[in-house]
């Protein structure tokens, strides 16, 4: 079975001093015990309803297999 990490360029993060909004990549989630990327994405979305609620564009997701 495989493990995947999903990241997105969407959204921003606040700097620790709260003075700046930082554009960066954000980790959306890590999925384990799947056979391929498609299965990983389905599992990610089923287990994390907030992704759709937050209106992330899943077409923007970048996925890497974690070895």
N, C-alpha and C. Protein backbone atom coordinates (compact mmCIF):
# COMPACT_ATOMS: atom_id res chain seq x y z
N UNK A 1 0.84 -1.19 0.00
CA UNK A 1 0.00 0.00 0.00
C UNK A 1 0.88 1.25 0.00
N UNK A 2 0.31 2.33 -0.49
CA UNK A 2 1.08 3.55 -0.66
C UNK A 2 0.57 4.67 0.25
N UNK A 3 1.40 5.72 0.35
CA UNK A 3 1.09 6.90 1.15
C UNK A 3 1.32 8.13 0.27
N UNK A 4 0.38 9.10 0.32
CA UNK A 4 0.48 10.31 -0.49
C UNK A 4 0.28 11.56 0.37
N UNK A 5 0.94 12.65 -0.04
CA UNK A 5 0.74 13.95 0.59
C UNK A 5 0.15 14.89 -0.46
N UNK A 6 -0.85 15.66 -0.05
CA UNK A 6 -1.50 16.63 -0.92
C UNK A 6 -1.17 18.03 -0.44
N UNK A 7 -0.73 18.88 -1.36
CA UNK A 7 -0.44 20.27 -1.04
C UNK A 7 -1.18 21.16 -2.04
N UNK A 8 -1.35 22.43 -1.68
CA UNK A 8 -2.04 23.37 -2.55
C UNK A 8 -1.36 24.74 -2.49
N UNK A 9 -1.37 25.46 -3.63
CA UNK A 9 -0.87 26.83 -3.62
C UNK A 9 -1.95 27.83 -3.19
N UNK A 10 -3.17 27.35 -3.00
CA UNK A 10 -4.27 28.24 -2.62
C UNK A 10 -4.19 28.64 -1.16
N UNK A 11 -4.70 29.80 -0.85
CA UNK A 11 -4.76 30.26 0.53
C UNK A 11 -3.49 30.96 0.95
N UNK A 12 -3.52 31.47 2.15
CA UNK A 12 -2.38 32.18 2.72
C UNK A 12 -2.21 31.77 4.18
N UNK A 13 -1.09 32.17 4.75
CA UNK A 13 -0.80 31.90 6.15
C UNK A 13 -0.36 33.20 6.80
N UNK A 14 -0.72 33.38 8.06
CA UNK A 14 -0.27 34.55 8.80
C UNK A 14 1.12 34.31 9.34
N UNK A 15 1.95 35.34 9.29
CA UNK A 15 3.28 35.27 9.89
C UNK A 15 3.15 35.16 11.41
N UNK A 16 4.14 34.61 12.08
CA UNK A 16 4.06 34.47 13.54
C UNK A 16 3.81 35.80 14.27
N UNK A 17 4.29 36.90 13.71
CA UNK A 17 4.08 38.19 14.38
C UNK A 17 2.75 38.84 14.01
N UNK A 18 1.92 38.14 13.22
CA UNK A 18 0.60 38.61 12.79
C UNK A 18 0.63 39.88 11.94
N UNK A 19 1.80 40.30 11.49
CA UNK A 19 1.90 41.52 10.70
C UNK A 19 1.86 41.28 9.21
N UNK A 20 2.07 40.05 8.79
CA UNK A 20 2.17 39.76 7.36
C UNK A 20 1.30 38.56 6.99
N UNK A 21 0.78 38.64 5.78
CA UNK A 21 0.10 37.50 5.19
C UNK A 21 1.08 36.88 4.20
N UNK A 22 1.36 35.60 4.34
CA UNK A 22 2.40 34.94 3.57
C UNK A 22 1.77 34.00 2.54
N UNK A 23 2.17 34.16 1.28
CA UNK A 23 1.75 33.21 0.25
C UNK A 23 2.72 32.04 0.28
N UNK A 24 2.19 30.85 0.44
CA UNK A 24 3.03 29.67 0.47
C UNK A 24 2.21 28.44 0.12
N UNK A 25 2.87 27.30 0.03
CA UNK A 25 2.17 26.04 -0.20
C UNK A 25 1.66 25.54 1.15
N UNK A 26 0.48 24.94 1.14
CA UNK A 26 -0.09 24.42 2.37
C UNK A 26 -0.37 22.93 2.23
N UNK A 27 -0.07 22.19 3.26
CA UNK A 27 -0.39 20.77 3.28
C UNK A 27 -1.88 20.63 3.54
N UNK A 28 -2.55 19.93 2.65
CA UNK A 28 -3.98 19.67 2.81
C UNK A 28 -4.20 18.39 3.60
N UNK A 29 -3.37 17.39 3.35
CA UNK A 29 -3.52 16.15 4.09
C UNK A 29 -2.58 15.08 3.61
N UNK A 30 -2.49 14.03 4.39
CA UNK A 30 -1.70 12.84 4.07
C UNK A 30 -2.64 11.65 4.12
N UNK A 31 -2.56 10.82 3.09
CA UNK A 31 -3.43 9.65 2.99
C UNK A 31 -2.56 8.40 2.92
N UNK A 32 -2.92 7.40 3.71
CA UNK A 32 -2.18 6.14 3.76
C UNK A 32 -3.06 4.98 3.35
N UNK A 33 -2.41 3.87 3.05
CA UNK A 33 -3.10 2.61 2.76
C UNK A 33 -4.01 2.68 1.54
N UNK A 34 -3.49 3.24 0.44
CA UNK A 34 -4.20 3.28 -0.83
C UNK A 34 -3.29 2.72 -1.91
N UNK A 35 -3.88 2.41 -3.07
CA UNK A 35 -3.08 1.79 -4.13
C UNK A 35 -2.60 2.78 -5.19
N UNK A 36 -3.28 3.96 -5.31
CA UNK A 36 -2.88 4.93 -6.33
C UNK A 36 -3.37 6.33 -5.96
N UNK A 37 -3.00 7.33 -6.79
CA UNK A 37 -3.35 8.73 -6.52
C UNK A 37 -4.85 8.97 -6.54
N UNK A 38 -5.56 8.34 -7.48
CA UNK A 38 -7.01 8.55 -7.56
C UNK A 38 -7.71 8.06 -6.30
N UNK A 39 -7.32 6.89 -5.85
CA UNK A 39 -7.89 6.35 -4.62
C UNK A 39 -7.54 7.24 -3.43
N UNK A 40 -6.33 7.78 -3.43
CA UNK A 40 -5.89 8.67 -2.36
C UNK A 40 -6.73 9.94 -2.31
N UNK A 41 -7.00 10.52 -3.47
CA UNK A 41 -7.81 11.75 -3.52
C UNK A 41 -9.23 11.47 -3.02
N UNK A 42 -9.82 10.38 -3.46
CA UNK A 42 -11.17 10.03 -2.99
C UNK A 42 -11.20 9.87 -1.47
N UNK A 43 -10.22 9.16 -0.95
CA UNK A 43 -10.16 8.94 0.50
C UNK A 43 -9.95 10.26 1.25
N UNK A 44 -9.09 11.12 0.71
CA UNK A 44 -8.84 12.43 1.32
C UNK A 44 -10.13 13.23 1.44
N UNK A 45 -10.90 13.28 0.35
CA UNK A 45 -12.13 14.07 0.34
C UNK A 45 -13.22 13.47 1.21
N UNK A 46 -13.31 12.15 1.25
CA UNK A 46 -14.31 11.49 2.09
C UNK A 46 -14.02 11.74 3.57
N UNK A 47 -12.75 11.69 3.94
CA UNK A 47 -12.38 11.82 5.35
C UNK A 47 -12.23 13.26 5.82
N UNK A 48 -12.28 14.22 4.89
CA UNK A 48 -12.05 15.64 5.23
C UNK A 48 -13.07 16.52 4.52
N UNK A 49 -14.30 16.54 5.01
CA UNK A 49 -15.37 17.33 4.40
C UNK A 49 -15.04 18.82 4.33
N UNK A 50 -14.20 19.29 5.23
CA UNK A 50 -13.86 20.71 5.29
C UNK A 50 -13.18 21.19 4.01
N UNK A 51 -12.54 20.29 3.25
CA UNK A 51 -11.84 20.71 2.03
C UNK A 51 -12.83 21.29 1.03
N UNK A 52 -13.95 20.61 0.84
CA UNK A 52 -14.99 21.11 -0.07
C UNK A 52 -15.67 22.32 0.54
N UNK A 53 -15.97 22.26 1.84
CA UNK A 53 -16.63 23.39 2.52
C UNK A 53 -15.81 24.66 2.43
N UNK A 54 -14.47 24.53 2.45
CA UNK A 54 -13.58 25.69 2.37
C UNK A 54 -13.38 26.16 0.92
N UNK A 55 -13.98 25.43 -0.02
CA UNK A 55 -13.95 25.77 -1.44
C UNK A 55 -12.55 25.72 -2.06
N UNK A 56 -11.74 24.77 -1.60
CA UNK A 56 -10.47 24.54 -2.27
C UNK A 56 -10.74 23.97 -3.66
N UNK A 57 -9.92 24.34 -4.63
CA UNK A 57 -10.02 23.82 -5.99
C UNK A 57 -9.15 22.57 -6.06
N UNK A 58 -9.76 21.40 -6.08
CA UNK A 58 -8.97 20.18 -6.05
C UNK A 58 -8.12 20.00 -7.30
N UNK A 59 -8.45 20.72 -8.37
CA UNK A 59 -7.63 20.67 -9.58
C UNK A 59 -6.27 21.33 -9.35
N UNK A 60 -6.17 22.16 -8.33
CA UNK A 60 -4.91 22.84 -7.99
C UNK A 60 -4.02 21.99 -7.09
N UNK A 61 -4.53 20.90 -6.55
CA UNK A 61 -3.76 20.07 -5.63
C UNK A 61 -2.55 19.48 -6.34
N UNK A 62 -1.47 19.44 -5.60
CA UNK A 62 -0.24 18.78 -6.03
C UNK A 62 -0.09 17.56 -5.13
N UNK A 63 0.18 16.42 -5.73
CA UNK A 63 0.26 15.19 -4.95
C UNK A 63 1.60 14.51 -5.19
N UNK A 64 2.19 14.04 -4.08
CA UNK A 64 3.44 13.31 -4.14
C UNK A 64 3.28 12.00 -3.38
N UNK A 65 3.87 10.97 -3.90
CA UNK A 65 3.91 9.72 -3.14
C UNK A 65 5.02 9.84 -2.12
N UNK A 66 4.73 9.45 -0.91
CA UNK A 66 5.73 9.45 0.16
C UNK A 66 6.28 8.04 0.25
N UNK A 67 7.59 7.94 0.13
CA UNK A 67 8.22 6.62 0.17
C UNK A 67 8.61 6.21 1.57
